[in-house]
């Protein structure tokens, strides 16, 4: 169960970082459609931490936002190896 909570917390932290970057680059959620080629309601799932983006999705979002994919994953998050077991 610890693993499930860890993944949920990680998705939430990812989403907060994604939202911060999107607000700097696009400002509004409605601008996501044209810039990232994602439906904004689908994209919103990633920002609120309920979506689980694939590597391909992360690359598509980063490209649309005009950032390197590593920037989407560049946030503080503590993880211990035992948390994944």
Protein backbone atom coordinates (compact mmCIF):
# COMPACT_ATOMS: atom_id res chain seq x y z
CA UNK A 1 0.00 0.00 0.00
CA UNK A 2 2.93 2.35 0.64
CA UNK A 3 3.85 2.07 -3.04
CA UNK A 4 0.35 3.19 -4.12
CA UNK A 5 0.50 6.24 -1.84
CA UNK A 6 4.00 7.07 -3.05
CA UNK A 7 2.88 6.97 -6.69
CA UNK A 8 -0.18 9.08 -5.91
CA UNK A 9 1.98 11.65 -4.12
CA UNK A 10 4.47 11.65 -6.99
CA UNK A 11 1.71 12.25 -9.57
CA UNK A 12 0.44 15.13 -7.43
CA UNK A 13 3.92 16.70 -7.23
CA UNK A 14 4.41 16.18 -10.98
CA UNK A 15 1.05 17.85 -11.60
CA UNK A 16 1.89 20.86 -9.45
CA UNK A 17 5.15 21.31 -11.34
CA UNK A 18 3.39 20.86 -14.68
CA UNK A 19 0.78 23.47 -13.74
CA UNK A 20 3.46 25.95 -12.67
CA UNK A 21 5.29 25.54 -16.00
CA UNK A 22 2.07 25.73 -18.01
CA UNK A 23 1.03 28.93 -16.24
CA UNK A 24 4.41 30.48 -17.06
CA UNK A 25 4.26 29.44 -20.72
CA UNK A 26 0.60 29.44 -21.71
CA UNK A 27 -1.20 31.15 -18.80
CA UNK A 28 -4.65 29.59 -19.26
CA UNK A 29 -5.68 25.96 -19.35
CA UNK A 30 -7.71 26.67 -22.48
CA UNK A 31 -4.49 27.51 -24.36
CA UNK A 32 -3.27 23.96 -23.84
CA UNK A 33 -5.35 22.58 -26.72
CA UNK A 34 -3.53 24.43 -29.47
CA UNK A 35 -0.04 24.39 -27.95
CA UNK A 36 0.19 20.77 -26.80
CA UNK A 37 -2.42 19.10 -29.03
CA UNK A 38 -4.09 17.70 -25.91
CA UNK A 39 -7.71 18.20 -25.05
CA UNK A 40 -7.54 20.53 -22.04
CA UNK A 41 -9.84 18.32 -19.95
CA UNK A 42 -7.56 15.33 -20.57
CA UNK A 43 -4.46 17.43 -19.87
CA UNK A 44 -6.04 18.73 -16.67
CA UNK A 45 -5.89 15.18 -15.25
CA UNK A 46 -2.10 15.40 -15.29
CA UNK A 47 -2.12 18.77 -13.52
CA UNK A 48 -4.36 17.54 -10.70
CA UNK A 49 -2.41 14.31 -10.29
CA UNK A 50 -5.03 11.81 -11.42
CA UNK A 51 -3.47 11.06 -14.80
CA UNK A 52 -0.44 8.83 -15.26
CA UNK A 53 1.41 10.17 -18.31
CA UNK A 54 3.56 7.90 -20.44
CA UNK A 55 7.01 8.94 -21.57
CA UNK A 56 5.54 9.75 -24.99
CA UNK A 57 2.94 11.99 -23.34
CA UNK A 58 5.60 13.77 -21.27
CA UNK A 59 7.60 14.46 -24.44
CA UNK A 60 4.50 15.75 -26.29
CA UNK A 61 3.57 18.04 -23.41
CA UNK A 62 7.14 19.34 -23.03
CA UNK A 63 7.37 20.03 -26.75
CA UNK A 64 4.06 21.89 -26.68
CA UNK A 65 5.16 23.96 -23.70
CA UNK A 66 8.55 24.68 -25.28
CA UNK A 67 10.60 23.07 -22.52
CA UNK A 68 12.90 20.07 -22.24
CA UNK A 69 11.10 16.98 -20.86
CA UNK A 70 13.44 16.92 -17.87
CA UNK A 71 11.94 20.23 -16.71
CA UNK A 72 8.60 18.52 -16.21
CA UNK A 73 10.30 16.07 -13.86
CA UNK A 74 12.49 18.66 -12.13
CA UNK A 75 10.85 18.99 -8.73
CA UNK A 76 11.70 17.99 -5.17
CA UNK A 77 10.34 14.65 -4.12
CA UNK A 78 11.79 12.35 -1.52
CA UNK A 79 11.74 8.65 -2.30
CA UNK A 80 13.27 5.74 -0.49
CA UNK A 81 13.90 2.34 -2.03
CA UNK A 82 11.73 0.62 0.58
CA UNK A 83 8.78 2.81 -0.46
CA UNK A 84 8.58 0.96 -3.79
CA UNK A 85 8.28 -2.50 -2.23
